[in-house]
N, C-alpha and C. Protein backbone atom coordinates (compact mmCIF):
# COMPACT_ATOMS: atom_id res chain seq x y z
N MET A 1 -18.04 -21.08 -2.11
CA MET A 1 -16.62 -20.69 -1.82
C MET A 1 -16.56 -20.95 -0.24
N MET A 2 -15.19 -21.51 0.00
CA MET A 2 -14.89 -21.75 1.54
C MET A 2 -14.82 -20.33 2.21
N GLU A 3 -15.17 -20.39 3.62
CA GLU A 3 -15.12 -19.35 4.28
C GLU A 3 -13.73 -19.02 4.76
N SER A 4 -13.37 -17.75 4.99
CA SER A 4 -12.17 -17.35 5.49
C SER A 4 -11.90 -17.75 6.90
N LYS A 5 -10.67 -18.19 7.05
CA LYS A 5 -10.34 -18.75 8.44
C LYS A 5 -9.91 -17.56 9.26
N LYS A 6 -9.42 -16.48 8.55
CA LYS A 6 -8.86 -15.30 9.34
C LYS A 6 -9.08 -14.10 8.42
N SER A 7 -9.45 -13.11 9.10
CA SER A 7 -9.52 -11.74 8.37
C SER A 7 -8.47 -10.79 8.88
N VAL A 8 -7.81 -10.06 7.98
CA VAL A 8 -6.71 -9.16 8.24
C VAL A 8 -7.05 -7.75 7.93
N ASP A 9 -7.26 -6.98 8.91
CA ASP A 9 -7.80 -5.53 8.64
C ASP A 9 -6.50 -4.66 8.63
N CYS A 10 -6.21 -4.24 7.23
CA CYS A 10 -5.22 -3.34 7.01
C CYS A 10 -5.68 -1.78 6.66
N LEU A 11 -6.88 -1.63 6.99
CA LEU A 11 -7.38 -0.34 6.62
C LEU A 11 -6.67 0.85 7.16
N GLY A 12 -6.24 1.80 6.47
CA GLY A 12 -5.63 2.96 6.93
C GLY A 12 -3.93 2.83 6.94
N MET A 13 -3.55 1.60 6.50
CA MET A 13 -2.12 1.17 6.46
C MET A 13 -1.67 1.48 5.09
N PHE A 14 -0.31 1.79 5.07
CA PHE A 14 0.30 1.92 3.73
C PHE A 14 1.38 0.93 3.43
N CYS A 15 1.82 0.73 2.30
CA CYS A 15 2.87 -0.01 1.88
C CYS A 15 4.06 0.14 2.75
N PRO A 16 4.68 -0.87 3.27
CA PRO A 16 4.40 -2.31 3.05
C PRO A 16 3.69 -3.08 4.08
N MET A 17 3.05 -2.36 5.06
CA MET A 17 2.23 -3.04 6.24
C MET A 17 1.31 -4.07 5.73
N PRO A 18 0.30 -3.75 4.73
CA PRO A 18 -0.56 -4.81 4.40
C PRO A 18 0.14 -6.05 3.95
N LEU A 19 1.12 -6.03 3.19
CA LEU A 19 1.92 -7.11 2.74
C LEU A 19 2.29 -7.76 3.98
N PHE A 20 3.12 -7.13 4.92
CA PHE A 20 3.70 -7.82 6.09
C PHE A 20 2.58 -8.54 6.86
N MET A 21 1.25 -7.83 6.98
CA MET A 21 0.29 -8.50 7.79
C MET A 21 -0.25 -9.61 7.03
N ALA A 22 -0.47 -9.54 5.72
CA ALA A 22 -0.96 -10.71 4.91
C ALA A 22 0.04 -11.96 5.26
N ARG A 23 1.31 -11.69 5.15
CA ARG A 23 2.44 -12.71 5.12
C ARG A 23 2.31 -13.43 6.45
N LYS A 24 2.17 -12.61 7.49
CA LYS A 24 2.17 -13.13 8.92
C LYS A 24 0.85 -14.02 9.12
N ALA A 25 -0.24 -13.47 8.57
CA ALA A 25 -1.33 -14.23 8.72
C ALA A 25 -1.48 -15.51 8.08
N ILE A 26 -1.05 -15.62 6.92
CA ILE A 26 -1.03 -16.78 6.11
C ILE A 26 -0.13 -17.78 6.77
N GLU A 27 0.83 -17.53 7.54
CA GLU A 27 1.72 -18.42 8.24
C GLU A 27 1.10 -18.96 9.46
N GLU A 28 -0.14 -18.34 9.82
CA GLU A 28 -0.84 -18.85 11.05
C GLU A 28 -2.09 -19.70 10.76
N ILE A 29 -2.11 -20.08 9.31
CA ILE A 29 -3.32 -20.93 9.15
C ILE A 29 -2.66 -22.21 8.24
N GLU A 30 -3.41 -23.26 8.19
CA GLU A 30 -3.09 -24.38 7.65
C GLU A 30 -3.18 -24.31 6.11
N VAL A 31 -2.32 -25.19 5.41
CA VAL A 31 -2.51 -25.22 3.95
C VAL A 31 -3.90 -25.64 3.51
N GLY A 32 -4.34 -24.83 2.43
CA GLY A 32 -5.72 -25.11 2.05
C GLY A 32 -6.83 -24.09 2.73
N GLU A 33 -6.36 -23.47 3.83
CA GLU A 33 -7.37 -22.46 4.39
C GLU A 33 -7.24 -21.13 3.69
N ILE A 34 -7.99 -20.20 4.13
CA ILE A 34 -8.19 -18.99 3.43
C ILE A 34 -8.13 -17.88 4.41
N ILE A 35 -7.45 -16.81 3.98
CA ILE A 35 -7.50 -15.46 4.65
C ILE A 35 -8.10 -14.50 3.78
N GLU A 36 -8.65 -13.44 4.35
CA GLU A 36 -9.24 -12.32 3.74
C GLU A 36 -8.54 -11.02 4.17
N VAL A 37 -7.91 -10.34 3.23
CA VAL A 37 -7.21 -9.05 3.69
C VAL A 37 -8.02 -7.78 3.09
N LEU A 38 -8.27 -7.03 4.08
CA LEU A 38 -8.94 -5.80 3.77
C LEU A 38 -8.02 -4.62 3.79
N ALA A 39 -7.85 -3.96 2.62
CA ALA A 39 -6.85 -2.84 2.57
C ALA A 39 -7.50 -1.66 1.75
N ASP A 40 -7.09 -0.53 1.96
CA ASP A 40 -7.48 0.63 1.23
C ASP A 40 -6.28 1.44 0.48
N ASP A 41 -5.15 0.78 0.72
CA ASP A 41 -3.96 1.30 -0.08
C ASP A 41 -4.18 0.64 -1.40
N PRO A 42 -4.01 1.57 -2.46
CA PRO A 42 -4.21 1.06 -3.80
C PRO A 42 -2.99 0.12 -4.15
N SER A 43 -1.80 0.16 -3.55
CA SER A 43 -0.67 -0.66 -4.01
C SER A 43 -0.88 -2.04 -3.61
N ALA A 44 -1.76 -2.30 -2.46
CA ALA A 44 -2.00 -3.68 -1.89
C ALA A 44 -2.74 -4.41 -2.95
N LYS A 45 -3.44 -3.83 -3.90
CA LYS A 45 -4.29 -4.59 -4.88
C LYS A 45 -3.27 -5.18 -5.74
N LYS A 46 -1.94 -4.77 -6.06
CA LYS A 46 -1.05 -5.32 -6.81
C LYS A 46 -0.07 -6.18 -6.16
N ASP A 47 0.49 -5.62 -4.98
CA ASP A 47 1.54 -6.13 -4.22
C ASP A 47 1.08 -7.50 -3.42
N ILE A 48 0.06 -7.45 -2.88
CA ILE A 48 -0.36 -8.77 -2.15
C ILE A 48 -0.57 -9.92 -3.04
N PRO A 49 -1.26 -9.86 -4.29
CA PRO A 49 -1.37 -10.80 -5.22
C PRO A 49 -0.11 -11.33 -5.77
N ASP A 50 0.76 -10.31 -6.01
CA ASP A 50 2.09 -10.55 -6.66
C ASP A 50 2.97 -11.56 -5.63
N TRP A 51 2.89 -11.17 -4.40
CA TRP A 51 3.58 -11.86 -3.38
C TRP A 51 3.04 -13.27 -3.30
N ALA A 52 1.66 -13.32 -3.18
CA ALA A 52 0.95 -14.56 -3.02
C ALA A 52 1.27 -15.54 -4.08
N GLU A 53 1.30 -15.12 -5.23
CA GLU A 53 1.57 -16.10 -6.31
C GLU A 53 3.11 -16.54 -6.34
N ARG A 54 3.90 -15.56 -6.18
CA ARG A 54 5.33 -15.93 -6.06
C ARG A 54 5.53 -16.97 -4.85
N SER A 55 4.82 -16.79 -3.84
CA SER A 55 4.98 -17.73 -2.58
C SER A 55 4.34 -18.94 -2.60
N GLY A 56 3.62 -19.30 -3.77
CA GLY A 56 2.74 -20.53 -3.92
C GLY A 56 1.37 -20.54 -3.39
N HIS A 57 0.72 -19.32 -3.14
CA HIS A 57 -0.46 -19.45 -2.63
C HIS A 57 -1.48 -18.96 -3.89
N LYS A 58 -2.80 -19.16 -3.66
CA LYS A 58 -3.71 -18.97 -4.63
C LYS A 58 -4.61 -17.75 -4.34
N ILE A 59 -4.69 -16.87 -5.28
CA ILE A 59 -5.66 -15.78 -5.24
C ILE A 59 -6.99 -16.20 -5.52
N LEU A 60 -7.90 -16.14 -4.67
CA LEU A 60 -9.39 -16.74 -4.89
C LEU A 60 -10.32 -15.47 -5.46
N GLY A 61 -9.74 -14.17 -5.21
CA GLY A 61 -10.64 -13.19 -5.76
C GLY A 61 -10.15 -11.86 -5.06
N ILE A 62 -10.58 -10.88 -5.84
CA ILE A 62 -10.24 -9.54 -5.34
C ILE A 62 -11.45 -8.71 -5.67
N GLU A 63 -12.01 -8.11 -4.65
CA GLU A 63 -13.33 -7.42 -4.77
C GLU A 63 -12.99 -5.97 -4.41
N GLU A 64 -13.72 -4.94 -5.01
CA GLU A 64 -13.46 -3.57 -4.48
C GLU A 64 -14.71 -2.97 -4.11
N ASP A 65 -14.89 -2.40 -2.95
CA ASP A 65 -16.13 -1.84 -2.55
C ASP A 65 -15.89 -0.53 -1.87
N ASP A 66 -16.25 0.55 -2.57
CA ASP A 66 -16.04 1.87 -1.98
C ASP A 66 -14.70 2.13 -1.59
N GLY A 67 -13.64 1.69 -2.45
CA GLY A 67 -12.23 2.16 -2.16
C GLY A 67 -11.57 0.99 -1.19
N ILE A 68 -12.24 0.05 -0.71
CA ILE A 68 -11.74 -0.96 0.08
C ILE A 68 -11.49 -2.34 -0.76
N PHE A 69 -10.18 -2.82 -0.81
CA PHE A 69 -10.02 -3.96 -1.48
C PHE A 69 -10.09 -5.31 -0.52
N ILE A 70 -10.79 -6.13 -1.04
CA ILE A 70 -11.10 -7.41 -0.28
C ILE A 70 -10.42 -8.40 -1.01
N ILE A 71 -9.22 -9.05 -0.57
CA ILE A 71 -8.39 -9.88 -1.17
C ILE A 71 -8.49 -11.30 -0.57
N LYS A 72 -8.97 -12.30 -1.20
CA LYS A 72 -9.09 -13.76 -0.52
C LYS A 72 -7.82 -14.46 -1.13
N ILE A 73 -7.10 -15.16 -0.19
CA ILE A 73 -5.96 -15.89 -0.56
C ILE A 73 -5.96 -17.16 0.10
N GLN A 74 -5.72 -18.37 -0.61
CA GLN A 74 -5.82 -19.70 -0.11
C GLN A 74 -4.25 -20.07 0.14
N ARG A 75 -4.09 -20.52 1.29
CA ARG A 75 -2.60 -20.99 1.45
C ARG A 75 -2.20 -22.13 0.65
N GLY A 76 -1.08 -22.07 0.08
CA GLY A 76 -0.50 -23.05 -0.78
C GLY A 76 0.40 -23.87 0.18
N VAL A 77 1.79 -23.82 -0.12
CA VAL A 77 2.73 -24.58 0.66
C VAL A 77 3.17 -23.94 1.93
């Protein structure tokens, strides 16, 4: 798997901040590059992938490690 271009630390933040930060980060990378979002707000596990897919980006994976979600997103358009 390709390495993340940018990591976004949203630990301790609640909705909608993880989504806003993911959105800002994806705009700062090139099409095809990957960001990794770290979040511990359970709503981020659903909200971020929903937004990404609606926006034309690809979810490469969602892992959970001790209550922390690691969401990898590849920029589409």
